[in-house]
């Protein structure tokens, strides 16, 4: 008689539904987020920001490798607090914002480094040039609920000339450096 309850218990374990973590979809909270860039011009460090960008993020903490991340930036929204410089940056010799109005990063893999640090590997398309890019970032719960909001921060350096941001005289790095630092502080809200 004792064998029957064990067999029944084993059967129940086999047919019991497996509990799986469900991925959460997050969208950008624009009012609480920033996307900035730094560059060297004539030997001085300058900073700018993008006023319009969007982020979509699908995240399952139990399976970070299944995460999805896409970032779209409206190039014309750049602001360096200098109207003449902003006009030059939007011009055909640099970003050419009229022909290439958006930059886009799509992660194809997210790799954990530790409990809060990750690397997003994917493709950055800027000015119609697409290159591989790995972006290190930190992800932590933001707000009261662990799933209600996430804080994503990080920074990466790109080479502007690899994306064609610098035509004619602007191909020279004599006055504007090739390295552009990009920093982000994003608040991402879980979608119902």
N, C-alpha and C. Protein backbone atom coordinates (compact mmCIF):
# COMPACT_ATOMS: atom_id res chain seq x y z
N UNK A 1 0.81 -1.21 0.00
CA UNK A 1 0.00 0.00 0.00
C UNK A 1 0.85 1.26 0.00
N UNK A 2 2.01 1.18 0.57
CA UNK A 2 2.83 2.37 0.64
C UNK A 2 3.37 2.79 -0.73
N UNK A 3 3.47 1.86 -1.67
CA UNK A 3 3.97 2.20 -3.01
C UNK A 3 2.99 3.05 -3.78
N UNK A 4 1.72 2.87 -3.56
CA UNK A 4 0.72 3.63 -4.32
C UNK A 4 0.77 5.13 -4.05
N UNK A 5 0.82 5.63 -2.81
CA UNK A 5 0.91 7.06 -2.58
C UNK A 5 2.17 7.68 -3.19
N UNK A 6 3.27 6.94 -3.19
CA UNK A 6 4.50 7.47 -3.78
C UNK A 6 4.32 7.61 -5.29
N UNK A 7 3.72 6.63 -5.92
CA UNK A 7 3.49 6.69 -7.36
C UNK A 7 2.54 7.83 -7.71
N UNK A 8 1.52 8.04 -6.92
CA UNK A 8 0.57 9.12 -7.15
C UNK A 8 1.25 10.48 -6.99
N UNK A 9 2.09 10.59 -5.97
CA UNK A 9 2.82 11.84 -5.75
C UNK A 9 3.76 12.13 -6.92
N UNK A 10 4.44 11.08 -7.40
CA UNK A 10 5.34 11.25 -8.55
C UNK A 10 4.57 11.69 -9.79
N UNK A 11 3.41 11.11 -10.00
CA UNK A 11 2.57 11.46 -11.14
C UNK A 11 2.13 12.91 -11.06
N UNK A 12 1.75 13.35 -9.87
CA UNK A 12 1.32 14.74 -9.69
C UNK A 12 2.46 15.71 -9.98
N UNK A 13 3.66 15.36 -9.58
CA UNK A 13 4.81 16.22 -9.88
C UNK A 13 5.07 16.31 -11.38
N UNK A 14 4.87 15.21 -12.08
CA UNK A 14 5.13 15.21 -13.51
C UNK A 14 4.12 16.05 -14.29
N UNK A 15 2.87 16.04 -13.84
CA UNK A 15 1.85 16.75 -14.60
C UNK A 15 1.59 18.15 -14.06
N UNK A 16 2.19 18.49 -12.92
CA UNK A 16 1.98 19.83 -12.37
C UNK A 16 2.56 20.87 -13.32
N UNK A 17 1.88 22.01 -13.50
CA UNK A 17 2.41 23.03 -14.40
C UNK A 17 3.72 23.61 -13.87
N UNK A 18 4.62 23.85 -14.77
CA UNK A 18 5.91 24.44 -14.40
C UNK A 18 5.74 25.95 -14.32
N UNK A 19 6.17 26.51 -13.20
CA UNK A 19 6.07 27.96 -13.03
C UNK A 19 7.24 28.61 -13.75
N UNK A 20 6.92 29.51 -14.64
CA UNK A 20 7.96 30.23 -15.38
C UNK A 20 7.82 31.71 -15.12
N UNK A 21 8.96 32.37 -15.06
CA UNK A 21 8.94 33.82 -14.93
C UNK A 21 8.42 34.41 -16.24
N UNK A 22 7.68 35.47 -16.13
CA UNK A 22 7.12 36.12 -17.31
C UNK A 22 7.89 37.40 -17.57
N UNK A 23 8.25 37.62 -18.81
CA UNK A 23 8.97 38.83 -19.17
C UNK A 23 8.06 40.03 -19.06
N UNK A 24 8.62 41.13 -18.57
CA UNK A 24 7.90 42.39 -18.47
C UNK A 24 8.30 43.30 -19.62
N UNK A 25 7.33 44.03 -20.15
CA UNK A 25 7.59 45.02 -21.19
C UNK A 25 7.67 46.39 -20.54
N UNK A 26 8.72 47.13 -20.88
CA UNK A 26 8.94 48.46 -20.32
C UNK A 26 8.98 49.49 -21.43
N UNK A 27 8.49 50.68 -21.11
CA UNK A 27 8.58 51.83 -22.02
C UNK A 27 9.25 52.98 -21.27
N UNK A 28 9.81 53.88 -22.02
CA UNK A 28 10.53 55.01 -21.47
C UNK A 28 9.61 55.99 -20.76
N UNK A 29 10.06 56.49 -19.62
CA UNK A 29 9.44 57.64 -18.95
C UNK A 29 10.28 58.85 -19.37
N UNK A 30 9.88 59.57 -20.44
CA UNK A 30 10.73 60.63 -21.00
C UNK A 30 11.05 61.75 -20.01
N UNK A 31 10.09 62.08 -19.15
CA UNK A 31 10.30 63.19 -18.20
C UNK A 31 11.38 62.86 -17.18
N UNK A 32 11.66 61.59 -16.96
CA UNK A 32 12.64 61.18 -15.96
C UNK A 32 13.87 60.52 -16.58
N UNK A 33 14.13 60.80 -17.86
CA UNK A 33 15.22 60.13 -18.57
C UNK A 33 16.08 61.14 -19.31
N UNK A 34 17.35 60.77 -19.52
CA UNK A 34 18.24 61.66 -20.27
C UNK A 34 19.17 60.83 -21.16
N UNK A 35 19.53 61.43 -22.30
CA UNK A 35 20.48 60.86 -23.24
C UNK A 35 21.41 61.98 -23.66
N UNK A 36 22.67 61.91 -23.23
CA UNK A 36 23.61 63.00 -23.46
C UNK A 36 24.82 62.49 -24.25
N UNK A 37 25.56 63.43 -24.82
CA UNK A 37 26.78 63.08 -25.53
C UNK A 37 27.85 64.13 -25.25
N UNK A 38 29.11 63.70 -25.28
CA UNK A 38 30.25 64.60 -25.08
C UNK A 38 31.21 64.43 -26.24
N UNK A 39 31.90 65.52 -26.58
CA UNK A 39 32.86 65.49 -27.67
C UNK A 39 33.88 66.59 -27.46
N UNK A 40 35.04 66.42 -28.08
CA UNK A 40 36.09 67.43 -28.00
C UNK A 40 36.01 68.32 -29.24
N UNK A 41 36.00 69.63 -29.00
CA UNK A 41 36.00 70.60 -30.10
C UNK A 41 37.01 71.69 -29.76
N UNK A 42 37.99 71.85 -30.64
CA UNK A 42 39.03 72.85 -30.44
C UNK A 42 39.68 72.72 -29.07
N UNK A 43 39.92 71.47 -28.64
CA UNK A 43 40.61 71.22 -27.38
C UNK A 43 39.75 71.33 -26.13
N UNK A 44 38.47 71.65 -26.30
CA UNK A 44 37.58 71.79 -25.14
C UNK A 44 36.50 70.71 -25.18
N UNK A 45 36.17 70.18 -24.00
CA UNK A 45 35.10 69.19 -23.92
C UNK A 45 33.76 69.90 -23.97
N UNK A 46 32.89 69.41 -24.83
CA UNK A 46 31.55 69.97 -24.98
C UNK A 46 30.52 68.88 -24.72
N UNK A 47 29.33 69.30 -24.35
CA UNK A 47 28.26 68.35 -24.06
C UNK A 47 26.98 68.77 -24.77
N UNK A 48 26.20 67.77 -25.13
CA UNK A 48 24.88 68.01 -25.71
C UNK A 48 23.91 66.96 -25.22
N UNK A 49 22.68 67.10 -25.63
CA UNK A 49 21.67 66.11 -25.25
C UNK A 49 20.70 65.94 -26.40
N UNK A 50 20.00 64.82 -26.37
CA UNK A 50 18.91 64.59 -27.31
C UNK A 50 17.61 64.73 -26.54
N UNK A 51 16.71 65.56 -27.06
CA UNK A 51 15.45 65.83 -26.38
C UNK A 51 14.36 64.82 -26.69
N UNK A 52 14.49 64.12 -27.82
CA UNK A 52 13.46 63.14 -28.20
C UNK A 52 14.12 61.81 -28.55
N UNK A 53 13.75 60.79 -27.79
CA UNK A 53 14.21 59.43 -28.04
C UNK A 53 13.22 58.48 -27.39
N UNK A 54 13.24 57.23 -27.84
CA UNK A 54 12.30 56.25 -27.31
C UNK A 54 13.05 54.95 -27.04
N UNK A 55 12.58 54.23 -26.04
CA UNK A 55 13.20 52.96 -25.64
C UNK A 55 12.10 51.94 -25.42
N UNK A 56 12.28 50.75 -25.96
CA UNK A 56 11.42 49.63 -25.60
C UNK A 56 12.33 48.52 -25.07
N UNK A 57 11.88 47.89 -23.99
CA UNK A 57 12.71 46.93 -23.28
C UNK A 57 11.83 45.81 -22.77
N UNK A 58 12.16 44.59 -23.13
CA UNK A 58 11.48 43.40 -22.62
C UNK A 58 12.47 42.67 -21.74
N UNK A 59 12.07 42.41 -20.48
CA UNK A 59 13.03 41.92 -19.50
C UNK A 59 12.44 40.82 -18.62
N UNK A 60 13.20 39.77 -18.48
CA UNK A 60 12.89 38.69 -17.54
C UNK A 60 14.17 38.46 -16.75
N UNK A 61 14.18 38.85 -15.46
CA UNK A 61 15.38 38.75 -14.64
C UNK A 61 15.90 37.32 -14.56
N UNK A 62 15.02 36.35 -14.66
CA UNK A 62 15.44 34.95 -14.59
C UNK A 62 16.10 34.49 -15.89
N UNK A 63 15.83 35.20 -16.99
CA UNK A 63 16.40 34.84 -18.29
C UNK A 63 16.87 36.09 -19.02
N UNK A 64 17.95 36.74 -18.52
CA UNK A 64 18.39 37.99 -19.15
C UNK A 64 18.78 37.82 -20.61
N UNK A 65 19.20 36.61 -20.99
CA UNK A 65 19.60 36.38 -22.38
C UNK A 65 18.42 36.49 -23.34
N UNK A 66 17.18 36.44 -22.83
CA UNK A 66 16.00 36.56 -23.69
C UNK A 66 15.50 38.00 -23.79
N UNK A 67 16.19 38.92 -23.14
CA UNK A 67 15.77 40.33 -23.14
C UNK A 67 15.85 40.92 -24.54
N UNK A 68 15.04 41.94 -24.76
CA UNK A 68 15.04 42.69 -26.02
C UNK A 68 15.14 44.17 -25.69
N UNK A 69 15.99 44.89 -26.42
CA UNK A 69 16.18 46.31 -26.19
C UNK A 69 16.29 47.02 -27.53
N UNK A 70 15.51 48.08 -27.69
CA UNK A 70 15.58 48.91 -28.91
C UNK A 70 15.50 50.37 -28.50
N UNK A 71 16.39 51.18 -29.07
CA UNK A 71 16.46 52.61 -28.77
C UNK A 71 16.42 53.37 -30.09
N UNK A 72 15.54 54.34 -30.19
CA UNK A 72 15.44 55.19 -31.38
C UNK A 72 15.63 56.64 -30.95
N UNK A 73 16.52 57.35 -31.63
CA UNK A 73 16.86 58.73 -31.28
C UNK A 73 16.52 59.64 -32.46
N UNK A 74 15.80 60.72 -32.16
CA UNK A 74 15.49 61.74 -33.18
C UNK A 74 16.68 62.70 -33.25
N UNK A 75 17.44 62.63 -34.33
CA UNK A 75 18.68 63.40 -34.45
C UNK A 75 18.45 64.91 -34.38
N UNK A 76 17.37 65.38 -34.98
CA UNK A 76 17.11 66.83 -35.00
C UNK A 76 16.88 67.40 -33.61
N UNK A 77 16.65 66.54 -32.61
CA UNK A 77 16.39 67.03 -31.26
C UNK A 77 17.68 67.31 -30.48
N UNK A 78 18.84 67.19 -31.14
CA UNK A 78 20.10 67.46 -30.44
C UNK A 78 20.17 68.91 -30.01
N UNK A 79 20.80 69.13 -28.86
CA UNK A 79 20.91 70.48 -28.28
C UNK A 79 22.22 70.57 -27.53
N UNK A 80 23.11 71.47 -27.99
CA UNK A 80 24.38 71.71 -27.30
C UNK A 80 24.42 73.09 -26.66
N UNK A 81 23.27 73.77 -26.60
CA UNK A 81 23.15 75.12 -26.05
C UNK A 81 23.88 76.15 -26.90
N UNK A 82 24.08 75.85 -28.18
CA UNK A 82 24.69 76.78 -29.12
C UNK A 82 23.99 76.57 -30.47
N UNK A 83 23.12 77.51 -30.85
CA UNK A 83 22.29 77.34 -32.06
C UNK A 83 23.12 77.17 -33.32
N UNK A 84 24.21 77.93 -33.45
CA UNK A 84 25.06 77.80 -34.64
C UNK A 84 25.69 76.42 -34.71
N UNK A 85 26.23 75.96 -33.59
CA UNK A 85 26.85 74.63 -33.56
C UNK A 85 25.80 73.55 -33.82
N UNK A 86 24.61 73.70 -33.24
CA UNK A 86 23.54 72.72 -33.46
C UNK A 86 23.17 72.63 -34.93
N UNK A 87 23.10 73.79 -35.60
CA UNK A 87 22.81 73.81 -37.03
C UNK A 87 23.89 73.09 -37.83
N UNK A 88 25.14 73.30 -37.44
CA UNK A 88 26.25 72.63 -38.11
C UNK A 88 26.18 71.12 -37.89
N UNK A 89 25.88 70.70 -36.66
CA UNK A 89 25.78 69.27 -36.36
C UNK A 89 24.66 68.60 -37.15
N UNK A 90 23.58 69.31 -37.40
CA UNK A 90 22.45 68.73 -38.16
C UNK A 90 22.69 68.75 -39.67
N UNK A 91 23.71 69.47 -40.11
CA UNK A 91 23.96 69.70 -41.54
C UNK A 91 24.40 68.42 -42.26
N UNK A 92 24.37 68.45 -43.62
CA UNK A 92 24.79 67.28 -44.41
C UNK A 92 26.23 66.84 -44.14
N UNK A 93 27.11 67.74 -43.70
CA UNK A 93 28.50 67.36 -43.44
C UNK A 93 28.68 66.57 -42.15
N UNK A 94 27.70 66.60 -41.27
CA UNK A 94 27.83 65.86 -40.01
C UNK A 94 26.71 64.83 -39.89
N UNK A 95 25.69 65.08 -39.08
CA UNK A 95 24.62 64.07 -38.92
C UNK A 95 23.69 63.96 -40.11
N UNK A 96 23.57 65.02 -40.90
CA UNK A 96 22.63 65.05 -42.03
C UNK A 96 21.23 64.62 -41.57
N UNK A 97 20.73 65.36 -40.59
CA UNK A 97 19.45 65.03 -39.95
C UNK A 97 18.27 65.03 -40.91
N UNK A 98 18.33 65.81 -41.98
CA UNK A 98 17.23 65.83 -42.94
C UNK A 98 17.12 64.49 -43.68
N UNK A 99 18.25 63.92 -44.10
CA UNK A 99 18.24 62.64 -44.82
C UNK A 99 18.19 61.43 -43.89
N UNK A 100 18.79 61.56 -42.71
CA UNK A 100 18.86 60.45 -41.76
C UNK A 100 18.33 60.93 -40.40
N UNK A 101 17.02 61.03 -40.28
CA UNK A 101 16.44 61.67 -39.10
C UNK A 101 16.55 60.88 -37.80
N UNK A 102 16.86 59.59 -37.90
CA UNK A 102 16.91 58.77 -36.69
C UNK A 102 18.20 57.97 -36.61
N UNK A 103 18.63 57.75 -35.37
CA UNK A 103 19.66 56.75 -35.07
C UNK A 103 18.94 55.64 -34.32
N UNK A 104 19.42 54.40 -34.50
CA UNK A 104 18.72 53.27 -33.85
C UNK A 104 19.73 52.24 -33.37
N UNK A 105 19.56 51.82 -32.12
CA UNK A 105 20.34 50.73 -31.55
C UNK A 105 19.38 49.60 -31.22
N UNK A 106 19.70 48.40 -31.72
CA UNK A 106 18.89 47.21 -31.42
C UNK A 106 19.83 46.15 -30.86
N UNK A 107 19.58 45.74 -29.62
CA UNK A 107 20.40 44.71 -28.99
C UNK A 107 19.93 43.34 -29.46
N UNK A 108 20.89 42.50 -29.83
CA UNK A 108 20.59 41.13 -30.23
C UNK A 108 20.93 40.14 -29.12
N UNK A 109 21.67 40.61 -28.09
CA UNK A 109 22.02 39.76 -26.95
C UNK A 109 22.32 40.63 -25.75
N UNK A 110 21.84 40.19 -24.59
CA UNK A 110 22.16 40.86 -23.33
C UNK A 110 22.81 39.83 -22.42
N UNK A 111 24.03 40.15 -21.97
CA UNK A 111 24.82 39.22 -21.17
C UNK A 111 25.01 39.77 -19.76
N UNK A 112 24.68 38.99 -18.73
CA UNK A 112 24.91 39.46 -17.37
C UNK A 112 26.39 39.45 -17.02
N UNK A 113 26.81 40.49 -16.29
CA UNK A 113 28.17 40.56 -15.74
C UNK A 113 28.12 40.19 -14.27
N UNK A 114 27.14 40.76 -13.55
CA UNK A 114 26.84 40.39 -12.17
C UNK A 114 25.36 40.70 -11.93
N UNK A 115 24.96 40.84 -10.68
CA UNK A 115 23.53 40.98 -10.37
C UNK A 115 22.88 42.23 -10.94
N UNK A 116 23.65 43.28 -11.19
CA UNK A 116 23.06 44.53 -11.69
C UNK A 116 23.74 45.07 -12.95
N UNK A 117 24.82 44.46 -13.38
CA UNK A 117 25.57 44.95 -14.54
C UNK A 117 25.43 43.99 -15.72
N UNK A 118 25.26 44.58 -16.91
CA UNK A 118 25.00 43.79 -18.11
C UNK A 118 25.73 44.41 -19.30
N UNK A 119 25.81 43.64 -20.38
CA UNK A 119 26.32 44.15 -21.65
C UNK A 119 25.28 43.86 -22.72
N UNK A 120 24.88 44.90 -23.43
CA UNK A 120 23.94 44.76 -24.55
C UNK A 120 24.75 44.79 -25.84
N UNK A 121 24.74 43.70 -26.58
CA UNK A 121 25.46 43.63 -27.85
C UNK A 121 24.44 43.71 -28.97
N UNK A 122 24.73 44.57 -29.94
CA UNK A 122 23.78 44.72 -31.03
C UNK A 122 24.33 45.56 -32.14
N UNK A 123 23.43 46.25 -32.83
CA UNK A 123 23.79 47.05 -34.00
C UNK A 123 23.32 48.49 -33.79
N UNK A 124 24.22 49.43 -34.06
CA UNK A 124 23.87 50.84 -34.06
C UNK A 124 23.85 51.31 -35.51
N UNK A 125 22.73 51.91 -35.89
CA UNK A 125 22.62 52.52 -37.22
C UNK A 125 22.54 54.02 -37.05
N UNK A 126 23.48 54.70 -37.68
CA UNK A 126 23.59 56.15 -37.58
C UNK A 126 24.03 56.67 -38.95
N UNK A 127 23.29 57.60 -39.47
CA UNK A 127 23.60 58.18 -40.78
C UNK A 127 23.75 57.09 -41.84
N UNK A 128 22.86 56.10 -41.79
CA UNK A 128 22.78 55.00 -42.76
C UNK A 128 23.99 54.06 -42.71
N UNK A 129 24.79 54.12 -41.66
CA UNK A 129 25.88 53.18 -41.46
C UNK A 129 25.53 52.32 -40.24
N UNK A 130 25.68 51.01 -40.37
CA UNK A 130 25.35 50.10 -39.27
C UNK A 130 26.63 49.39 -38.83
N UNK A 131 26.89 49.46 -37.53
CA UNK A 131 28.09 48.84 -36.96
C UNK A 131 27.71 48.07 -35.70
N UNK A 132 28.51 47.04 -35.38
CA UNK A 132 28.34 46.33 -34.11
C UNK A 132 28.72 47.26 -32.96
N UNK A 133 27.97 47.13 -31.87
CA UNK A 133 28.26 47.95 -30.70
C UNK A 133 27.84 47.18 -29.45
N UNK A 134 28.70 47.20 -28.44
CA UNK A 134 28.37 46.62 -27.14
C UNK A 134 28.28 47.76 -26.13
N UNK A 135 27.15 47.80 -25.44
CA UNK A 135 26.87 48.89 -24.49
C UNK A 135 26.77 48.30 -23.09
N UNK A 136 27.70 48.67 -22.19
CA UNK A 136 27.58 48.23 -20.80
C UNK A 136 26.52 49.07 -20.08
N UNK A 137 25.74 48.43 -19.21
CA UNK A 137 24.73 49.19 -18.47
C UNK A 137 24.45 48.55 -17.12
N UNK A 138 23.87 49.35 -16.25
CA UNK A 138 23.43 48.92 -14.93
C UNK A 138 21.91 48.94 -14.93
N UNK A 139 21.30 47.91 -14.38
CA UNK A 139 19.84 47.82 -14.30
C UNK A 139 19.46 47.52 -12.86
N UNK A 140 18.64 48.41 -12.29
CA UNK A 140 18.18 48.25 -10.91
C UNK A 140 16.71 48.63 -10.83
N UNK A 141 16.00 48.03 -9.88
CA UNK A 141 14.61 48.46 -9.67
C UNK A 141 14.57 49.93 -9.28
N UNK A 142 13.58 50.63 -9.80
CA UNK A 142 13.37 52.04 -9.45
C UNK A 142 11.94 52.17 -8.93
N UNK A 143 11.75 52.83 -7.87
CA UNK A 143 10.41 52.96 -7.32
C UNK A 143 10.15 51.89 -6.27
N UNK A 144 8.91 51.78 -5.88
CA UNK A 144 8.55 50.90 -4.78
C UNK A 144 8.43 49.44 -5.17
N UNK A 145 7.91 49.14 -6.34
CA UNK A 145 7.75 47.75 -6.77
C UNK A 145 8.91 47.32 -7.63
N UNK A 146 9.39 46.11 -7.45
CA UNK A 146 10.54 45.66 -8.22
C UNK A 146 10.23 45.54 -9.71
N UNK A 147 8.96 45.34 -10.06
CA UNK A 147 8.61 45.18 -11.47
C UNK A 147 7.95 46.42 -12.06
N UNK A 148 7.63 47.42 -11.23
CA UNK A 148 6.90 48.57 -11.74
C UNK A 148 7.77 49.52 -12.55
N UNK A 149 9.04 49.63 -12.18
CA UNK A 149 9.94 50.53 -12.90
C UNK A 149 11.37 50.03 -12.75
N UNK A 150 12.16 50.32 -13.75
CA UNK A 150 13.58 49.98 -13.72
C UNK A 150 14.40 51.21 -14.06
N UNK A 151 15.57 51.31 -13.46
CA UNK A 151 16.53 52.37 -13.77
C UNK A 151 17.66 51.75 -14.56
N UNK A 152 17.90 52.27 -15.77
CA UNK A 152 18.97 51.77 -16.62
C UNK A 152 19.94 52.92 -16.87
N UNK A 153 21.20 52.73 -16.49
CA UNK A 153 22.22 53.75 -16.69
C UNK A 153 23.45 53.15 -17.34
N UNK A 154 24.18 53.97 -18.07
CA UNK A 154 25.41 53.48 -18.68
C UNK A 154 26.04 54.51 -19.58
N UNK A 155 27.16 54.12 -20.14
CA UNK A 155 27.85 54.99 -21.09
C UNK A 155 28.70 54.15 -22.02
N UNK A 156 28.92 54.70 -23.21
CA UNK A 156 29.71 54.02 -24.23
C UNK A 156 30.37 55.10 -25.08
N UNK A 157 31.48 54.76 -25.70
CA UNK A 157 32.16 55.68 -26.62
C UNK A 157 32.07 55.11 -28.03
N UNK A 158 31.67 55.97 -28.96
CA UNK A 158 31.66 55.56 -30.37
C UNK A 158 32.61 56.46 -31.16
N UNK A 159 33.02 55.98 -32.31
CA UNK A 159 33.87 56.75 -33.24
C UNK A 159 32.96 57.34 -34.30
N UNK A 160 32.83 58.65 -34.31
CA UNK A 160 31.89 59.31 -35.23
C UNK A 160 32.21 59.04 -36.69
N UNK A 161 33.50 58.94 -37.03
CA UNK A 161 33.88 58.76 -38.44
C UNK A 161 33.50 57.38 -38.95
N UNK A 162 33.37 56.38 -38.08
CA UNK A 162 32.93 55.05 -38.51
C UNK A 162 31.49 55.08 -39.04
N UNK A 163 30.74 56.11 -38.64
CA UNK A 163 29.34 56.25 -39.06
C UNK A 163 29.16 57.36 -40.11
N UNK A 164 30.26 57.91 -40.58
CA UNK A 164 30.17 58.95 -41.60
C UNK A 164 29.79 60.31 -41.05
N UNK A 165 29.84 60.47 -39.74
CA UNK A 165 29.53 61.77 -39.12
C UNK A 165 30.80 62.61 -39.22
N UNK A 166 30.96 63.23 -40.37
CA UNK A 166 32.13 64.02 -40.68
C UNK A 166 32.47 63.85 -42.14
N UNK A 167 31.96 64.75 -42.96
CA UNK A 167 32.22 64.75 -44.39
C UNK A 167 33.03 66.00 -44.73
N UNK A 168 33.71 65.98 -45.88
CA UNK A 168 34.48 67.16 -46.29
C UNK A 168 35.52 67.51 -45.23
N UNK A 169 35.57 68.79 -44.86
CA UNK A 169 36.54 69.25 -43.87
C UNK A 169 36.33 68.60 -42.51
N UNK A 170 35.11 68.14 -42.25
CA UNK A 170 34.80 67.56 -40.93
C UNK A 170 35.34 66.14 -40.75
N UNK A 171 35.96 65.57 -41.82
CA UNK A 171 36.61 64.27 -41.67
C UNK A 171 37.88 64.39 -40.84
N UNK A 172 38.42 65.56 -40.78
CA UNK A 172 39.62 65.80 -39.98
C UNK A 172 39.25 65.80 -38.49
N UNK A 173 40.16 65.29 -37.69
CA UNK A 173 39.95 65.33 -36.24
C UNK A 173 40.75 66.46 -35.60
N UNK A 174 41.26 67.38 -36.45
CA UNK A 174 42.04 68.49 -35.92
C UNK A 174 41.21 69.38 -35.00
N UNK A 175 39.95 69.63 -35.37
CA UNK A 175 39.11 70.53 -34.57
C UNK A 175 38.03 69.80 -33.79
N UNK A 176 37.56 68.68 -34.32
CA UNK A 176 36.53 67.90 -33.61
C UNK A 176 37.04 66.47 -33.49
N UNK A 177 37.11 65.97 -32.26
CA UNK A 177 37.63 64.63 -32.02
C UNK A 177 36.74 63.54 -32.61
N UNK A 178 37.33 62.38 -32.81
CA UNK A 178 36.60 61.24 -33.36
C UNK A 178 35.75 60.57 -32.29
N UNK A 179 36.22 60.54 -31.06
CA UNK A 179 35.49 59.89 -29.97
C UNK A 179 34.31 60.73 -29.51
N UNK A 180 33.17 60.08 -29.41
CA UNK A 180 31.96 60.71 -28.86
C UNK A 180 31.46 59.83 -27.73
N UNK A 181 31.38 60.39 -26.54
CA UNK A 181 30.85 59.65 -25.40
C UNK A 181 29.35 59.80 -25.34
N UNK A 182 28.67 58.70 -25.12
CA UNK A 182 27.20 58.71 -25.01
C UNK A 182 26.85 58.16 -23.63
N UNK A 183 26.05 58.93 -22.88
CA UNK A 183 25.63 58.52 -21.54
C UNK A 183 24.11 58.53 -21.47
N UNK A 184 23.57 57.61 -20.68
CA UNK A 184 22.12 57.56 -20.56
C UNK A 184 21.73 57.24 -19.12
N UNK A 185 20.64 57.84 -18.70
CA UNK A 185 20.01 57.57 -17.41
C UNK A 185 18.52 57.46 -17.71
N UNK A 186 18.01 56.24 -17.73
CA UNK A 186 16.65 55.99 -18.19
C UNK A 186 15.79 55.47 -17.05
N UNK A 187 14.58 55.97 -16.99
CA UNK A 187 13.56 55.38 -16.11
C UNK A 187 12.58 54.67 -17.02
N UNK A 188 12.43 53.37 -16.80
CA UNK A 188 11.58 52.53 -17.64
C UNK A 188 10.40 52.02 -16.83
N UNK A 189 9.22 52.22 -17.37
CA UNK A 189 7.99 51.87 -16.66
C UNK A 189 7.39 50.59 -17.22
N UNK A 190 7.01 49.69 -16.34
CA UNK A 190 6.37 48.44 -16.77
C UNK A 190 5.03 48.74 -17.40
N UNK A 191 4.75 48.06 -18.49
CA UNK A 191 3.47 48.23 -19.20
C UNK A 191 2.48 47.18 -18.70
N UNK A 192 1.20 47.57 -18.58
CA UNK A 192 0.21 46.61 -18.11
C UNK A 192 0.00 45.48 -19.11
